[in-house]
Amino acid sequence: MKNNDLGGYICFLRERAGYTQAELATLIGATQFYISYLESGRKLNPSIKIMAKMFDVLEMSKEEIEKFLDIHAKANGCVSYDIADFIMANDDVRVSIRNSRDKPDSYPNWDDFIKKINKE
């Protein structure tokens, strides 16, 4: 498994901490089968409660937690929980995002950017 998919990242963090799947499961209040399903990619959406326990038990740094949340969000087609919470708690941020979405001139022209990087 790769370190950039959710299951691979969980496996990497678990092994780095020196836990078996069964040990991690016990520490976070899950089953070994649940951990196996997460690591194999058969389950992509652990609950926030389970994720929070993993963050603690696996002694993840802020950067590792953010990477975990981003990988989780991409796997599930959503916005990272920490960012979604921030957006919903700040009206001005939501307004700015919607304004950017609704006014194509308010954010970079990605077509021009792509053309520039593809020049030979």
Protein backbone atom coordinates (compact mmCIF):
# COMPACT_ATOMS: atom_id res chain seq x y z
CA MET A 1 0.00 0.00 0.00
CA LYS A 2 1.04 3.56 -0.56
CA ASN A 3 1.55 6.23 2.05
CA ASN A 4 -0.74 8.60 0.12
CA ASP A 5 -3.93 6.54 0.32
CA LEU A 6 -5.90 6.34 3.53
CA GLY A 7 -5.28 2.66 4.22
CA GLY A 8 -1.60 2.90 3.43
CA TYR A 9 -1.20 5.93 5.64
CA ILE A 10 -2.98 4.26 8.55
CA CYS A 11 -0.78 1.18 8.11
CA PHE A 12 2.37 3.33 8.00
CA LEU A 13 1.40 5.20 11.18
CA ARG A 14 0.40 1.99 12.99
CA GLU A 15 3.61 0.19 12.10
CA ARG A 16 5.72 3.22 12.99
CA ALA A 17 4.08 3.20 16.43
CA GLY A 18 4.88 -0.51 16.74
CA TYR A 19 1.30 -1.79 16.99
CA THR A 20 -0.32 -4.78 15.39
CA GLN A 21 -3.77 -4.30 13.89
CA ALA A 22 -5.27 -6.05 16.92
CA GLU A 23 -3.38 -3.83 19.37
CA LEU A 24 -4.44 -0.63 17.61
CA ALA A 25 -8.01 -1.87 17.45
CA THR A 26 -8.08 -2.49 21.19
CA LEU A 27 -6.60 0.93 21.94
CA ILE A 28 -9.18 2.80 19.84
CA GLY A 29 -12.19 0.65 20.70
CA ALA A 30 -12.56 -1.11 17.35
CA THR A 31 -11.99 -4.61 16.03
CA GLN A 32 -8.99 -5.99 14.18
CA PHE A 33 -11.30 -6.57 11.21
CA TYR A 34 -12.20 -2.86 11.20
CA ILE A 35 -8.51 -1.88 11.10
CA SER A 36 -7.91 -4.45 8.38
CA TYR A 37 -10.78 -3.01 6.32
CA LEU A 38 -9.38 0.51 6.72
CA GLU A 39 -5.87 -0.51 5.75
CA SER A 40 -7.01 -2.56 2.77
CA GLY A 41 -9.17 0.27 1.44
CA ARG A 42 -12.42 -1.65 1.85
CA LYS A 43 -13.54 1.01 4.32
CA LEU A 44 -12.70 4.64 3.60
CA ASN A 45 -14.75 6.57 6.11
CA PRO A 46 -13.87 6.05 9.78
CA SER A 47 -15.93 8.12 12.19
CA ILE A 48 -14.57 11.34 13.61
CA LYS A 49 -14.48 9.62 17.01
CA ILE A 50 -12.30 6.79 15.68
CA MET A 51 -10.04 9.24 13.85
CA ALA A 52 -9.57 11.32 17.00
CA LYS A 53 -8.60 8.20 18.94
CA MET A 54 -6.09 7.27 16.21
CA PHE A 55 -4.58 10.75 16.33
CA ASP A 56 -4.02 10.34 20.06
CA VAL A 57 -2.93 6.69 20.22
CA LEU A 58 -0.59 7.02 17.23
CA GLU A 59 0.81 10.28 18.65
CA MET A 60 0.37 12.07 15.34
CA SER A 61 1.84 15.53 14.80
CA LYS A 62 -0.29 18.42 13.55
CA GLU A 63 1.12 17.89 10.04
CA GLU A 64 0.34 14.17 10.14
CA ILE A 65 -3.21 14.85 11.31
CA GLU A 66 -3.71 17.38 8.52
CA LYS A 67 -2.34 14.91 5.96
CA PHE A 68 -4.67 12.21 7.35
CA LEU A 69 -7.66 14.56 7.13
CA ASP A 70 -6.77 15.58 3.56
CA ILE A 71 -6.31 11.98 2.40
CA HIS A 72 -9.61 11.06 4.09
CA ALA A 73 -11.40 13.98 2.42
CA LYS A 74 -10.07 13.11 -1.04
CA ALA A 75 -11.05 9.46 -0.60
CA ASN A 76 -14.58 10.49 0.38
CA GLY A 77 -15.10 13.44 -1.97
CA CYS A 78 -15.49 16.01 0.78
CA VAL A 79 -13.67 18.88 2.46
CA SER A 80 -11.30 18.08 5.33
CA TYR A 81 -13.13 18.23 8.66
CA ASP A 82 -10.83 20.86 10.12
CA ILE A 83 -11.28 23.15 7.12
CA ALA A 84 -15.03 22.56 6.92
CA ASP A 85 -15.37 23.48 10.60
CA PHE A 86 -13.38 26.67 10.04
CA ILE A 87 -15.41 27.62 6.98
CA MET A 88 -18.71 27.05 8.75
CA ALA A 89 -17.59 29.03 11.80
CA ASN A 90 -16.60 32.08 9.73
CA ASP A 91 -19.25 33.80 7.62
CA ASP A 92 -16.71 35.97 5.81
CA VAL A 93 -14.76 32.90 4.69
CA ARG A 94 -17.90 31.26 3.26
CA VAL A 95 -18.81 34.48 1.44
CA SER A 96 -15.29 34.80 0.02
CA ILE A 97 -15.25 31.21 -1.21
CA ARG A 98 -18.64 31.59 -2.88
CA ASN A 99 -17.61 34.89 -4.44
CA SER A 100 -14.50 33.22 -5.83
CA ARG A 101 -16.59 30.35 -7.15
CA ASP A 102 -19.13 32.67 -8.78
CA LYS A 103 -16.63 35.11 -10.30
CA PRO A 104 -14.16 33.24 -12.47
CA ASP A 105 -11.96 36.35 -12.73
CA SER A 106 -11.40 36.36 -8.97
CA TYR A 107 -9.07 33.37 -9.03
CA PRO A 108 -6.14 32.44 -11.29
CA ASN A 109 -6.76 31.45 -14.86
CA TRP A 110 -5.66 27.83 -14.62
CA ASP A 111 -5.77 27.30 -18.40
CA ASP A 112 -3.07 29.98 -18.87
CA PHE A 113 -1.05 28.54 -16.00
CA ILE A 114 -1.18 25.04 -17.52
CA LYS A 115 -0.16 26.38 -20.92
CA LYS A 116 2.84 28.16 -19.35
CA ILE A 117 4.12 25.06 -17.59
CA ASN A 118 3.64 22.91 -20.70
CA LYS A 119 5.69 25.22 -22.98
CA GLU A 120 8.60 23.53 -24.62
